[in-house]
Amino acid sequence: MTQSPAASSAERPAVLGRHALNLPNLITGTRLLLAVALFALIALSNQWIAAAALFIFAASTDALDGYIARRNKQITVLGRILDPFVDKVIVCGTFVFLLEHQTQPDSGVRAWMVIIIIGREMFVSSLRGILEKEGKDFSASMIGKLKMVLQCVAVSVSLLSMAPALQFSWAPLFRDLTLYVAVATTLYSGAIYVTRGFALLRDA
């Protein structure tokens, strides 16, 4: 016998139900708090090595919460919403805060880089929302994960390059190289996702 929509809705777990209060989502929420602490550290002090360490620690918990959720079968609707949101807050937010440092110390981050990174994330997220509403699988691909890794490397190098103890002659060149590679990969991955997304929309 076919269930009515009301019955199916009643059996579907609530997004903010008790089952959503699990360890993976707690780790994700903690990462959001770490992002706030990181932004304060960048804006209010010159402790660049500490800021880089905090960023690396916060970004690394992304793999941890996903691993625990899959291993313990604790994947929830809240987690699927919260995890990518927090990832974008910490990465895009750090790029925005680094944009303020263009003199001494210079982060190497420029406005056009931030526009590309944030614009790509906004467009792909909107496209994912449309496709998932249509029941299409638009999960992250390997190029998307590589993009995230390279962005994290670029942010870490940018933060470390401003530390007085690490003012080597080759540091600005290495910093700029990691930033340009991250931005180029962001553009490339965005093109791959858009091509894939529009192909799925044509098949809808």
C-alpha atoms as a PDB file:
ATOM      1  CA  MET A   1       0.000   0.000   0.000  1.00  0.00           C
ATOM      2  CA  THR A   2       1.366   3.430  -0.955  1.00  0.00           C
ATOM      3  CA  GLN A   3       2.026   5.740   1.957  1.00  0.00           C
ATOM      4  CA  SER A   4       0.493   9.185   1.917  1.00  0.00           C
ATOM      5  CA  PRO A   5       2.831  12.199   1.831  1.00  0.00           C
ATOM      6  CA  ALA A   6       1.720  13.064   5.358  1.00  0.00           C
ATOM      7  CA  ALA A   7       2.684   9.619   6.623  1.00  0.00           C
ATOM      8  CA  SER A   8       6.054   9.740   4.877  1.00  0.00           C
ATOM      9  CA  SER A   9       6.710  13.185   6.328  1.00  0.00           C
ATOM     10  CA  ALA A  10       5.811  11.972   9.807  1.00  0.00           C
ATOM     11  CA  GLU A  11       8.292   9.084   9.561  1.00  0.00           C
ATOM     12  CA  ARG A  12      11.098  11.264   8.217  1.00  0.00           C
ATOM     13  CA  PRO A  13      13.467  12.311  11.036  1.00  0.00           C
ATOM     14  CA  ALA A  14      13.414  16.017  11.868  1.00  0.00           C
ATOM     15  CA  VAL A  15      16.419  18.060  10.765  1.00  0.00           C
ATOM     16  CA  LEU A  16      16.948  19.227  14.357  1.00  0.00           C
ATOM     17  CA  GLY A  17      15.734  16.043  16.053  1.00  0.00           C
ATOM     18  CA  ARG A  18      17.571  14.292  18.866  1.00  0.00           C
ATOM     19  CA  HIS A  19      19.405  12.060  16.378  1.00  0.00           C
ATOM     20  CA  ALA A  20      21.086  15.170  14.918  1.00  0.00           C
ATOM     21  CA  LEU A  21      22.785  15.924  18.242  1.00  0.00           C
ATOM     22  CA  ASN A  22      25.663  13.549  17.621  1.00  0.00           C
ATOM     23  CA  LEU A  23      29.459  13.703  17.754  1.00  0.00           C
ATOM     24  CA  PRO A  24      30.082  14.567  14.079  1.00  0.00           C
ATOM     25  CA  ASN A  25      27.711  17.546  14.235  1.00  0.00           C
ATOM     26  CA  LEU A  26      29.248  18.619  17.542  1.00  0.00           C
ATOM     27  CA  ILE A  27      32.684  18.636  15.889  1.00  0.00           C
ATOM     28  CA  THR A  28      31.279  20.656  12.982  1.00  0.00           C
ATOM     29  CA  GLY A  29      29.743  23.186  15.375  1.00  0.00           C
ATOM     30  CA  THR A  30      33.027  23.424  17.276  1.00  0.00           C
ATOM     31  CA  ARG A  31      34.785  24.174  13.983  1.00  0.00           C
ATOM     32  CA  LEU A  32      32.482  27.170  13.537  1.00  0.00           C
ATOM     33  CA  LEU A  33      33.492  28.482  16.975  1.00  0.00           C
ATOM     34  CA  LEU A  34      37.156  27.943  16.070  1.00  0.00           C
ATOM     35  CA  ALA A  35      36.563  30.009  12.919  1.00  0.00           C
ATOM     36  CA  VAL A  36      35.309  32.924  15.028  1.00  0.00           C
ATOM     37  CA  ALA A  37      38.373  32.642  17.282  1.00  0.00           C
ATOM     38  CA  LEU A  38      40.619  32.542  14.207  1.00  0.00           C
ATOM     39  CA  PHE A  39      39.068  35.698  12.726  1.00  0.00           C
ATOM     40  CA  ALA A  40      39.561  37.504  16.040  1.00  0.00           C
ATOM     41  CA  LEU A  41      43.186  36.362  16.148  1.00  0.00           C
ATOM     42  CA  ILE A  42      43.848  37.677  12.634  1.00  0.00           C
ATOM     43  CA  ALA A  43      42.066  40.986  13.238  1.00  0.00           C
ATOM     44  CA  LEU A  44      43.354  41.777  16.724  1.00  0.00           C
ATOM     45  CA  SER A  45      46.898  40.438  16.946  1.00  0.00           C
ATOM     46  CA  ASN A  46      50.023  39.682  14.973  1.00  0.00           C
ATOM     47  CA  GLN A  47      50.339  36.098  16.180  1.00  0.00           C
ATOM     48  CA  TRP A  48      50.540  34.669  12.681  1.00  0.00           C
ATOM     49  CA  ILE A  49      52.058  31.303  13.578  1.00  0.00           C
ATOM     50  CA  ALA A  50      49.330  30.750  16.188  1.00  0.00           C
ATOM     51  CA  ALA A  51      46.683  31.800  13.634  1.00  0.00           C
ATOM     52  CA  ALA A  52      48.084  29.349  11.074  1.00  0.00           C
ATOM     53  CA  ALA A  53      48.118  26.545  13.641  1.00  0.00           C
ATOM     54  CA  LEU A  54      44.513  27.280  14.626  1.00  0.00           C
ATOM     55  CA  PHE A  55      43.423  27.364  10.983  1.00  0.00           C
ATOM     56  CA  ILE A  56      45.140  24.047  10.197  1.00  0.00           C
ATOM     57  CA  PHE A  57      43.593  22.419  13.274  1.00  0.00           C
ATOM     58  CA  ALA A  58      40.104  23.752  12.479  1.00  0.00           C
ATOM     59  CA  ALA A  59      40.290  22.767   8.805  1.00  0.00           C
ATOM     60  CA  SER A  60      41.566  19.274   9.640  1.00  0.00           C
ATOM     61  CA  THR A  61      38.473  18.517  11.742  1.00  0.00           C
ATOM     62  CA  ASP A  62      36.478  18.539   8.485  1.00  0.00           C
ATOM     63  CA  ALA A  63      37.869  15.108   7.626  1.00  0.00           C
ATOM     64  CA  LEU A  64      37.343  13.906  11.195  1.00  0.00           C
ATOM     65  CA  ASP A  65      33.614  14.628  11.453  1.00  0.00           C
ATOM     66  CA  GLY A  66      32.975  13.092   8.038  1.00  0.00           C
ATOM     67  CA  TYR A  67      34.900   9.954   8.935  1.00  0.00           C
ATOM     68  CA  ILE A  68      33.051   9.510  12.250  1.00  0.00           C
ATOM     69  CA  ALA A  69      29.673  10.147  10.601  1.00  0.00           C
ATOM     70  CA  ARG A  70      30.299   7.484   7.948  1.00  0.00           C
ATOM     71  CA  ARG A  71      31.822   4.943  10.323  1.00  0.00           C
ATOM     72  CA  ASN A  72      29.032   5.220  12.902  1.00  0.00           C
ATOM     73  CA  LYS A  73      26.257   5.738  10.317  1.00  0.00           C
ATOM     74  CA  GLN A  74      25.479   9.129  11.830  1.00  0.00           C
ATOM     75  CA  ILE A  75      24.996  11.078   8.595  1.00  0.00           C
ATOM     76  CA  THR A  76      22.131  13.520   9.172  1.00  0.00           C
ATOM     77  CA  VAL A  77      20.328  16.238   7.222  1.00  0.00           C
ATOM     78  CA  LEU A  78      21.705  18.814   9.666  1.00  0.00           C
ATOM     79  CA  GLY A  79      25.227  17.555   9.063  1.00  0.00           C
ATOM     80  CA  ARG A  80      24.808  17.712   5.288  1.00  0.00           C
ATOM     81  CA  ILE A  81      23.729  21.357   5.632  1.00  0.00           C
ATOM     82  CA  LEU A  82      26.106  22.459   8.381  1.00  0.00           C
ATOM     83  CA  ASP A  83      29.354  20.828   7.215  1.00  0.00           C
ATOM     84  CA  PRO A  84      29.748  22.574   3.824  1.00  0.00           C
ATOM     85  CA  PHE A  85      28.482  25.838   5.323  1.00  0.00           C
ATOM     86  CA  VAL A  86      31.150  25.807   8.047  1.00  0.00           C
ATOM     87  CA  ASP A  87      33.840  24.863   5.509  1.00  0.00           C
ATOM     88  CA  LYS A  88      32.975  27.903   3.419  1.00  0.00           C
ATOM     89  CA  VAL A  89      32.839  30.195   6.466  1.00  0.00           C
ATOM     90  CA  ILE A  90      36.305  29.245   7.669  1.00  0.00           C
ATOM     91  CA  VAL A  91      38.045  29.278   4.268  1.00  0.00           C
ATOM     92  CA  CYS A  92      36.262  32.215   2.621  1.00  0.00           C
ATOM     93  CA  GLY A  93      36.164  34.151   5.892  1.00  0.00           C
ATOM     94  CA  THR A  94      39.916  33.784   6.391  1.00  0.00           C
ATOM     95  CA  PHE A  95      40.569  34.995   2.843  1.00  0.00           C
ATOM     96  CA  VAL A  96      38.413  38.067   3.576  1.00  0.00           C
ATOM     97  CA  PHE A  97      40.304  38.852   6.777  1.00  0.00           C
ATOM     98  CA  LEU A  98      43.651  38.363   5.011  1.00  0.00           C
ATOM     99  CA  LEU A  99      42.542  40.884   2.388  1.00  0.00           C
ATOM    100  CA  GLU A 100      43.028  43.643   4.977  1.00  0.00           C
ATOM    101  CA  HIS A 101      46.781  42.948   5.073  1.00  0.00           C
ATOM    102  CA  GLN A 102      48.253  44.332   1.853  1.00  0.00           C
ATOM    103  CA  THR A 103      51.099  46.446   3.224  1.00  0.00           C
ATOM    104  CA  GLN A 104      53.475  45.268   5.948  1.00  0.00           C
ATOM    105  CA  PRO A 105      52.922  42.488   6.683  1.00  0.00           C
ATOM    106  CA  ASP A 106      51.525  41.571   3.282  1.00  0.00           C
ATOM    107  CA  SER A 107      49.302  38.478   3.087  1.00  0.00           C
ATOM    108  CA  GLY A 108      49.510  38.330  -0.719  1.00  0.00           C
ATOM    109  CA  VAL A 109      45.706  38.043  -0.911  1.00  0.00           C
ATOM    110  CA  ARG A 110      44.054  40.423  -3.358  1.00  0.00           C
ATOM    111  CA  ALA A 111      40.431  41.435  -3.907  1.00  0.00           C
ATOM    112  CA  TRP A 112      40.102  39.657  -7.262  1.00  0.00           C
ATOM    113  CA  MET A 113      41.216  36.401  -5.650  1.00  0.00           C
ATOM    114  CA  VAL A 114      38.559  36.694  -2.955  1.00  0.00           C
ATOM    115  CA  ILE A 115      35.877  37.522  -5.538  1.00  0.00           C
ATOM    116  CA  ILE A 116      36.759  34.409  -7.561  1.00  0.00           C
ATOM    117  CA  ILE A 117      36.804  32.133  -4.517  1.00  0.00           C
ATOM    118  CA  ILE A 118      33.569  33.394  -2.952  1.00  0.00           C
ATOM    119  CA  GLY A 119      31.797  33.730  -6.298  1.00  0.00           C
ATOM    120  CA  ARG A 120      32.627  30.145  -7.227  1.00  0.00           C
ATOM    121  CA  GLU A 121      31.380  28.818  -3.892  1.00  0.00           C
ATOM    122  CA  MET A 122      28.120  30.782  -4.105  1.00  0.00           C
ATOM    123  CA  PHE A 123      27.374  29.694  -7.662  1.00  0.00           C
ATOM    124  CA  VAL A 124      28.182  26.010  -7.136  1.00  0.00           C
ATOM    125  CA  SER A 125      26.193  25.939  -3.882  1.00  0.00           C
ATOM    126  CA  SER A 126      23.174  27.443  -5.657  1.00  0.00           C
ATOM    127  CA  LEU A 127      23.516  24.935  -8.487  1.00  0.00           C
ATOM    128  CA  ARG A 128      23.777  22.070  -5.990  1.00  0.00           C
ATOM    129  CA  GLY A 129      20.610  23.236  -4.252  1.00  0.00           C
ATOM    130  CA  ILE A 130      18.658  23.244  -7.531  1.00  0.00           C
ATOM    131  CA  LEU A 131      19.945  19.823  -8.596  1.00  0.00           C
ATOM    132  CA  GLU A 132      19.365  18.142  -5.245  1.00  0.00           C
ATOM    133  CA  LYS A 133      15.829  19.529  -5.236  1.00  0.00           C
ATOM    134  CA  GLU A 134      15.386  17.740  -8.569  1.00  0.00           C
ATOM    135  CA  GLY A 135      16.718  14.526  -7.004  1.00  0.00           C
ATOM    136  CA  LYS A 136      20.050  14.648  -8.861  1.00  0.00           C
ATOM    137  CA  ASP A 137      23.318  13.492  -7.321  1.00  0.00           C
ATOM    138  CA  PHE A 138      25.667  16.490  -7.207  1.00  0.00           C
ATOM    139  CA  SER A 139      28.015  15.341  -4.458  1.00  0.00           C
ATOM    140  CA  ALA A 140      31.588  16.593  -4.184  1.00  0.00           C
ATOM    141  CA  SER A 141      34.096  15.232  -6.702  1.00  0.00           C
ATOM    142  CA  MET A 142      37.839  14.712  -6.381  1.00  0.00           C
ATOM    143  CA  ILE A 143      38.616  18.064  -8.034  1.00  0.00           C
ATOM    144  CA  GLY A 144      36.388  19.793  -5.480  1.00  0.00           C
ATOM    145  CA  LYS A 145      38.262  18.135  -2.621  1.00  0.00           C
ATOM    146  CA  LEU A 146      41.600  19.044  -4.203  1.00  0.00           C
ATOM    147  CA  LYS A 147      40.423  22.642  -4.485  1.00  0.00           C
ATOM    148  CA  MET A 148      39.632  22.692  -0.768  1.00  0.00           C
ATOM    149  CA  VAL A 149      43.054  21.262   0.120  1.00  0.00           C
ATOM    150  CA  LEU A 150      44.921  23.786  -2.035  1.00  0.00           C
ATOM    151  CA  GLN A 151      42.900  26.681  -0.627  1.00  0.00           C
ATOM    152  CA  CYS A 152      43.793  25.534   2.897  1.00  0.00           C
ATOM    153  CA  VAL A 153      47.463  25.276   1.935  1.00  0.00           C
ATOM    154  CA  ALA A 154      47.362  28.784   0.444  1.00  0.00           C
ATOM    155  CA  VAL A 155      45.732  30.241   3.570  1.00  0.00           C
ATOM    156  CA  SER A 156      48.249  28.520   5.852  1.00  0.00           C
ATOM    157  CA  VAL A 157      51.228  29.729   3.798  1.00  0.00           C
ATOM    158  CA  SER A 158      49.794  33.251   3.641  1.00  0.00           C
ATOM    159  CA  LEU A 159      49.425  33.381   7.427  1.00  0.00           C
ATOM    160  CA  LEU A 160      52.905  31.975   8.023  1.00  0.00           C
ATOM    161  CA  SER A 161      54.489  34.357   5.504  1.00  0.00           C
ATOM    162  CA  MET A 162      53.558  37.298   7.735  1.00  0.00           C
ATOM    163  CA  ALA A 163      55.351  35.922  10.807  1.00  0.00           C
ATOM    164  CA  PRO A 164      58.524  37.952  11.544  1.00  0.00           C
ATOM    165  CA  ALA A 165      60.453  34.747  12.267  1.00  0.00           C
ATOM    166  CA  LEU A 166      59.686  33.432   8.775  1.00  0.00           C
ATOM    167  CA  GLN A 167      60.625  36.462   6.682  1.00  0.00           C
ATOM    168  CA  PHE A 168      62.838  34.588   4.215  1.00  0.00           C
ATOM    169  CA  SER A 169      63.714  36.087   0.833  1.00  0.00           C
ATOM    170  CA  TRP A 170      61.846  33.325  -1.029  1.00  0.00           C
ATOM    171  CA  ALA A 171      58.744  33.413   1.217  1.00  0.00           C
ATOM    172  CA  PRO A 172      56.717  35.998  -0.818  1.00  0.00           C
ATOM    173  CA  LEU A 173      57.316  34.100  -4.074  1.00  0.00           C
ATOM    174  CA  PHE A 174      56.297  30.777  -2.504  1.00  0.00           C
ATOM    175  CA  ARG A 175      53.234  32.420  -0.920  1.00  0.00           C
ATOM    176  CA  ASP A 176      52.127  33.970  -4.213  1.00  0.00           C
ATOM    177  CA  LEU A 177      52.659  30.672  -6.036  1.00  0.00           C
ATOM    178  CA  THR A 178      50.391  28.780  -3.615  1.00  0.00           C
ATOM    179  CA  LEU A 179      47.745  31.510  -3.865  1.00  0.00           C
ATOM    180  CA  TYR A 180      47.742  31.523  -7.677  1.00  0.00           C
ATOM    181  CA  VAL A 181      47.596  27.711  -7.810  1.00  0.00           C
ATOM    182  CA  ALA A 182      44.669  27.716  -5.359  1.00  0.00           C
ATOM    183  CA  VAL A 183      42.780  30.364  -7.353  1.00  0.00           C
ATOM    184  CA  ALA A 184      43.449  28.586 -10.667  1.00  0.00           C
ATOM    185  CA  THR A 185      42.207  25.289  -9.213  1.00  0.00           C
ATOM    186  CA  THR A 186      39.143  27.087  -7.846  1.00  0.00           C
ATOM    187  CA  LEU A 187      38.311  28.364 -11.337  1.00  0.00           C
ATOM    188  CA  TYR A 188      38.984  24.991 -12.955  1.00  0.00           C
ATOM    189  CA  SER A 189      36.914  23.047 -10.420  1.00  0.00           C
ATOM    190  CA  GLY A 190      34.119  25.587 -10.803  1.00  0.00           C
ATOM    191  CA  ALA A 191      34.087  25.047 -14.570  1.00  0.00           C
ATOM    192  CA  ILE A 192      33.984  21.268 -14.064  1.00  0.00           C
ATOM    193  CA  TYR A 193      31.069  21.539 -11.627  1.00  0.00           C
ATOM    194  CA  VAL A 194      29.131  23.941 -13.864  1.00  0.00           C
ATOM    195  CA  THR A 195      29.585  21.673 -16.898  1.00  0.00           C
ATOM    196  CA  ARG A 196      28.471  18.660 -14.879  1.00  0.00           C
ATOM    197  CA  GLY A 197      25.577  20.569 -13.321  1.00  0.00           C
ATOM    198  CA  PHE A 198      24.145  21.858 -16.609  1.00  0.00           C
ATOM    199  CA  ALA A 199      24.452  18.378 -18.111  1.00  0.00           C
ATOM    200  CA  LEU A 200      22.326  17.059 -15.240  1.00  0.00           C
ATOM    201  CA  LEU A 201      19.799  19.862 -15.718  1.00  0.00           C
ATOM    202  CA  ARG A 202      19.470  19.020 -19.413  1.00  0.00           C
ATOM    203  CA  ASP A 203      18.657  15.425 -18.439  1.00  0.00           C
ATOM    204  CA  ALA A 204      16.038  16.509 -15.890  1.00  0.00           C
END
